[in-house]
């Protein structure tokens, strides 16, 4: 894993943490019905990219 991949991994981990917080808040207060599925989709994409980077 090169320096660029390590940096991308750090950024993705931060993004995942932020998305998880946003998703939790959106589930507690469902103002916009499209927000929860959108956040879940973004979270899944971030997890998939992180897994791809970890695999090499």
N, C-alpha and C. Protein backbone atom coordinates (compact mmCIF):
# COMPACT_ATOMS: atom_id res chain seq x y z
N UNK A 1 0.86 -1.18 0.00
CA UNK A 1 0.00 0.00 0.00
C UNK A 1 0.90 1.23 0.00
N UNK A 2 0.71 2.09 -0.97
CA UNK A 2 1.54 3.29 -1.05
C UNK A 2 0.93 4.43 -0.22
N UNK A 3 1.62 5.53 -0.23
CA UNK A 3 1.23 6.69 0.59
C UNK A 3 -0.16 7.22 0.20
N UNK A 4 -0.43 7.20 -1.09
CA UNK A 4 -1.72 7.70 -1.59
C UNK A 4 -2.87 6.82 -1.08
N UNK A 5 -2.68 5.52 -1.10
CA UNK A 5 -3.71 4.60 -0.62
C UNK A 5 -3.94 4.75 0.88
N UNK A 6 -2.86 4.96 1.64
CA UNK A 6 -3.00 5.15 3.08
C UNK A 6 -3.80 6.41 3.38
N UNK A 7 -3.52 7.47 2.65
CA UNK A 7 -4.24 8.72 2.85
C UNK A 7 -5.71 8.54 2.49
N UNK A 8 -5.98 7.87 1.38
CA UNK A 8 -7.36 7.62 0.95
C UNK A 8 -8.10 6.78 1.99
N UNK A 9 -7.40 5.82 2.59
CA UNK A 9 -7.99 4.98 3.61
C UNK A 9 -8.37 5.82 4.83
N UNK A 10 -7.49 6.73 5.24
CA UNK A 10 -7.79 7.61 6.38
C UNK A 10 -9.01 8.48 6.08
N UNK A 11 -9.06 9.04 4.88
CA UNK A 11 -10.18 9.90 4.49
C UNK A 11 -11.48 9.10 4.48
N UNK A 12 -11.44 7.89 3.96
CA UNK A 12 -12.63 7.04 3.91
C UNK A 12 -13.11 6.67 5.31
N UNK A 13 -12.18 6.40 6.22
CA UNK A 13 -12.57 6.06 7.58
C UNK A 13 -13.24 7.25 8.26
N UNK A 14 -12.74 8.44 8.01
CA UNK A 14 -13.36 9.65 8.56
C UNK A 14 -14.74 9.86 7.95
N UNK A 15 -14.86 9.64 6.65
CA UNK A 15 -16.15 9.80 5.98
C UNK A 15 -17.18 8.79 6.49
N UNK A 16 -16.73 7.55 6.70
CA UNK A 16 -17.62 6.52 7.22
C UNK A 16 -18.12 6.91 8.61
N UNK A 17 -17.24 7.41 9.44
CA UNK A 17 -17.66 7.82 10.79
C UNK A 17 -18.69 8.94 10.71
N UNK A 18 -18.46 9.90 9.83
CA UNK A 18 -19.39 11.02 9.68
C UNK A 18 -20.74 10.54 9.13
N UNK A 19 -20.69 9.67 8.14
CA UNK A 19 -21.93 9.15 7.56
C UNK A 19 -22.73 8.34 8.57
N UNK A 20 -22.04 7.59 9.42
CA UNK A 20 -22.74 6.81 10.44
C UNK A 20 -23.45 7.73 11.43
N UNK A 21 -22.82 8.84 11.78
CA UNK A 21 -23.45 9.81 12.68
C UNK A 21 -24.67 10.44 12.01
N UNK A 22 -24.51 10.83 10.75
CA UNK A 22 -25.62 11.44 10.02
C UNK A 22 -26.78 10.46 9.86
N UNK A 23 -26.46 9.21 9.58
CA UNK A 23 -27.49 8.18 9.42
C UNK A 23 -28.25 7.96 10.72
N UNK A 24 -27.52 7.91 11.81
CA UNK A 24 -28.15 7.74 13.11
C UNK A 24 -29.11 8.89 13.41
N UNK A 25 -28.65 10.11 13.14
CA UNK A 25 -29.50 11.29 13.37
C UNK A 25 -30.71 11.29 12.44
N UNK A 26 -30.51 10.89 11.20
CA UNK A 26 -31.61 10.87 10.24
C UNK A 26 -32.67 9.83 10.62
N UNK A 27 -32.23 8.73 11.21
CA UNK A 27 -33.19 7.70 11.63
C UNK A 27 -33.99 8.16 12.84
N UNK A 28 -33.35 8.95 13.71
CA UNK A 28 -34.05 9.45 14.90
C UNK A 28 -35.05 10.54 14.56
N UNK A 29 -34.72 11.33 13.53
CA UNK A 29 -35.58 12.45 13.15
C UNK A 29 -35.77 12.43 11.63
N UNK A 30 -36.70 11.64 11.15
CA UNK A 30 -36.87 11.46 9.70
C UNK A 30 -37.61 12.63 9.03
N UNK A 31 -36.92 13.74 8.82
CA UNK A 31 -37.51 14.89 8.15
C UNK A 31 -37.70 14.62 6.66
N UNK A 32 -36.68 14.06 6.05
CA UNK A 32 -36.70 13.79 4.61
C UNK A 32 -36.68 12.28 4.39
N UNK A 33 -37.73 11.72 3.80
CA UNK A 33 -37.79 10.26 3.64
C UNK A 33 -36.73 9.70 2.69
N UNK A 34 -36.14 10.53 1.85
CA UNK A 34 -35.12 10.04 0.92
C UNK A 34 -33.71 10.09 1.52
N UNK A 35 -33.58 10.73 2.67
CA UNK A 35 -32.25 10.93 3.26
C UNK A 35 -31.65 9.62 3.79
N UNK A 36 -32.42 8.82 4.48
CA UNK A 36 -31.90 7.57 5.07
C UNK A 36 -31.39 6.62 3.98
N UNK A 37 -32.17 6.35 2.93
CA UNK A 37 -31.63 5.45 1.88
C UNK A 37 -30.39 6.03 1.18
N UNK A 38 -30.37 7.34 1.01
CA UNK A 38 -29.20 7.98 0.36
C UNK A 38 -27.96 7.81 1.23
N UNK A 39 -28.10 8.04 2.52
CA UNK A 39 -26.97 7.90 3.43
C UNK A 39 -26.51 6.45 3.51
N UNK A 40 -27.46 5.52 3.51
CA UNK A 40 -27.10 4.09 3.53
C UNK A 40 -26.33 3.71 2.27
N UNK A 41 -26.74 4.26 1.14
CA UNK A 41 -26.07 3.96 -0.13
C UNK A 41 -24.65 4.53 -0.12
N UNK A 42 -24.50 5.77 0.36
CA UNK A 42 -23.17 6.38 0.44
C UNK A 42 -22.26 5.61 1.39
N UNK A 43 -22.82 5.17 2.50
CA UNK A 43 -22.06 4.42 3.49
C UNK A 43 -21.60 3.08 2.90
N UNK A 44 -22.46 2.42 2.19
CA UNK A 44 -22.11 1.15 1.55
C UNK A 44 -21.01 1.35 0.51
N UNK A 45 -21.11 2.43 -0.25
CA UNK A 45 -20.09 2.71 -1.26
C UNK A 45 -18.74 3.00 -0.61
N UNK A 46 -18.75 3.72 0.48
CA UNK A 46 -17.51 4.03 1.19
C UNK A 46 -16.89 2.76 1.76
N UNK A 47 -17.71 1.90 2.32
CA UNK A 47 -17.21 0.61 2.84
C UNK A 47 -16.63 -0.24 1.72
N UNK A 48 -17.28 -0.26 0.58
CA UNK A 48 -16.80 -1.05 -0.56
C UNK A 48 -15.46 -0.53 -1.06
N UNK A 49 -15.33 0.79 -1.15
CA UNK A 49 -14.06 1.36 -1.61
C UNK A 49 -12.94 1.10 -0.61
N UNK A 50 -13.26 1.19 0.68
CA UNK A 50 -12.27 0.91 1.71
C UNK A 50 -11.80 -0.54 1.62
N UNK A 51 -12.73 -1.46 1.42
CA UNK A 51 -12.38 -2.88 1.28
C UNK A 51 -11.51 -3.11 0.05
N UNK A 52 -11.83 -2.40 -1.03
CA UNK A 52 -11.04 -2.54 -2.27
C UNK A 52 -9.60 -2.06 -2.05
N UNK A 53 -9.45 -0.95 -1.33
CA UNK A 53 -8.12 -0.41 -1.06
C UNK A 53 -7.33 -1.36 -0.15
N UNK A 54 -7.99 -1.92 0.85
CA UNK A 54 -7.31 -2.83 1.77
C UNK A 54 -6.84 -4.11 1.08
N UNK A 55 -7.60 -4.55 0.07
CA UNK A 55 -7.22 -5.76 -0.65
C UNK A 55 -6.00 -5.53 -1.53
N UNK A 56 -5.83 -4.30 -1.96
CA UNK A 56 -4.65 -4.00 -2.74
C UNK A 56 -4.97 -3.71 -4.12
